Amino acid sequence: MSQIKKPAARIRHKRTRQSQLLHKRAELGRMWAQQISHAQPGVGKVMADLALLEIAITDQWPSQAAKWINEWTISDAKKIHDPDTDQPADCPLCQQIATATIAA
């Protein structure tokens, strides 16, 4: 019976880890778009972290790597905005600016 539980535990662990990596990837993608949009320093570091994370994620499913990386890139690029003309609700910096403007 322990032989049955070990593979199940391994699968659960793998899925949990994959979920954590995907969550971190989404967060880094949002940070990258925010830094590009607001011309903040550190974009290179975020890009390097994204690349390493994407390798870790796609390592388990190499046949899906090209598809996923393409989808992630498009998703991240869609988050880039011009803060002078557009202040999306999902950009914390834009929201801080809007809040400061309202308070002033």
Protein backbone atom coordinates (compact mmCIF):
# COMPACT_ATOMS: atom_id res chain seq x y z
CA MET A 1 0.00 0.00 0.00
CA SER A 2 2.87 2.42 0.67
CA GLN A 3 3.97 1.95 -2.93
CA ILE A 4 0.65 3.38 -4.08
CA LYS A 5 0.87 6.41 -1.77
CA LYS A 6 4.38 7.36 -2.77
CA PRO A 7 3.58 7.98 -6.44
CA ALA A 8 0.45 9.90 -5.45
CA ALA A 9 2.43 12.04 -3.02
CA ARG A 10 5.05 12.69 -5.70
CA ILE A 11 2.37 13.76 -8.16
CA ARG A 12 0.75 16.06 -5.58
CA HIS A 13 4.12 17.59 -4.76
CA LYS A 14 4.88 18.09 -8.45
CA ARG A 15 1.52 19.78 -9.05
CA THR A 16 1.91 22.00 -6.00
CA ARG A 17 5.40 23.04 -7.08
CA GLN A 18 4.21 23.68 -10.65
CA SER A 19 1.38 25.84 -9.32
CA GLN A 20 3.81 27.84 -7.21
CA LEU A 21 6.12 28.35 -10.17
CA LEU A 22 3.25 29.47 -12.41
CA HIS A 23 2.06 31.92 -9.76
CA LYS A 24 5.57 33.35 -9.42
CA ARG A 25 5.84 33.55 -13.23
CA ALA A 26 2.61 35.57 -13.43
CA GLU A 27 3.86 37.93 -10.72
CA LEU A 28 7.21 38.46 -12.46
CA GLY A 29 5.43 39.07 -15.78
CA ARG A 30 3.32 41.76 -14.13
CA MET A 31 6.43 43.32 -12.56
CA TRP A 32 8.20 43.31 -15.93
CA ALA A 33 5.33 45.13 -17.66
CA GLN A 34 5.09 47.62 -14.80
CA GLN A 35 8.80 48.40 -14.95
CA ILE A 36 8.73 48.80 -18.73
CA SER A 37 5.63 51.01 -18.59
CA HIS A 38 7.04 53.30 -15.91
CA ALA A 39 10.66 53.24 -17.15
CA GLN A 40 11.88 51.82 -13.85
CA PRO A 41 15.33 50.31 -13.39
CA GLY A 42 15.79 46.59 -12.91
CA VAL A 43 14.09 45.30 -16.06
CA GLY A 44 17.13 43.17 -16.95
CA LYS A 45 17.06 41.41 -13.58
CA VAL A 46 13.34 40.67 -13.90
CA MET A 47 13.88 39.34 -17.44
CA ALA A 48 16.68 37.06 -16.21
CA ASP A 49 14.47 35.80 -13.38
CA LEU A 50 11.65 35.20 -15.87
CA ALA A 51 13.93 33.18 -18.12
CA LEU A 52 15.14 30.98 -15.25
CA LEU A 53 11.61 30.46 -14.01
CA GLU A 54 10.35 29.59 -17.47
CA ILE A 55 13.10 27.00 -17.82
CA ALA A 56 12.10 25.48 -14.48
CA ILE A 57 8.44 25.36 -15.50
CA THR A 58 8.92 23.99 -19.01
CA ASP A 59 11.60 21.51 -17.96
CA GLN A 60 8.89 19.02 -17.02
CA TRP A 61 6.98 19.49 -20.30
CA PRO A 62 9.51 20.38 -23.01
CA SER A 63 7.00 19.70 -25.78
CA GLN A 64 4.86 22.60 -24.49
CA ALA A 65 7.71 25.08 -23.98
CA ALA A 66 7.37 27.03 -27.22
CA LYS A 67 3.61 27.33 -26.90
CA TRP A 68 3.70 28.45 -23.26
CA ILE A 69 6.54 30.93 -23.72
CA ASN A 70 4.68 32.49 -26.67
CA GLU A 71 1.49 32.78 -24.59
CA TRP A 72 3.36 34.26 -21.61
CA THR A 73 5.14 36.80 -23.81
CA ILE A 74 1.89 37.97 -25.40
CA SER A 75 0.17 38.16 -22.02
CA ASP A 76 3.02 40.21 -20.52
CA ALA A 77 3.20 42.54 -23.54
CA LYS A 78 -0.53 43.28 -23.26
CA LYS A 79 0.11 44.64 -19.74
CA ILE A 80 2.46 47.36 -21.01
CA HIS A 81 0.76 50.74 -20.97
CA ASP A 82 1.45 54.47 -21.20
CA PRO A 83 0.91 55.81 -17.69
CA ASP A 84 0.29 59.32 -19.07
CA THR A 85 -2.77 58.22 -21.04
CA ASP A 86 -3.85 54.96 -19.41
CA GLN A 87 -3.88 53.95 -15.77
CA PRO A 88 -5.10 50.36 -15.55
CA ALA A 89 -6.56 49.15 -12.28
CA ASP A 90 -4.10 46.24 -12.11
CA CYS A 91 -1.02 48.51 -12.08
CA PRO A 92 -0.10 49.37 -8.47
CA LEU A 93 2.08 52.32 -9.52
CA CYS A 94 -0.73 53.87 -11.55
CA GLN A 95 -3.09 53.42 -8.63
CA GLN A 96 -0.61 55.10 -6.28
CA ILE A 97 -0.30 58.01 -8.68
CA ALA A 98 -4.07 58.28 -9.05
CA THR A 99 -4.56 58.15 -5.28
CA ALA A 100 -1.92 60.84 -4.74
CA THR A 101 -3.50 63.02 -7.42
CA ILE A 102 -6.95 62.71 -5.83
CA ALA A 103 -5.55 63.45 -2.37
CA ALA A 104 -3.72 66.56 -3.58
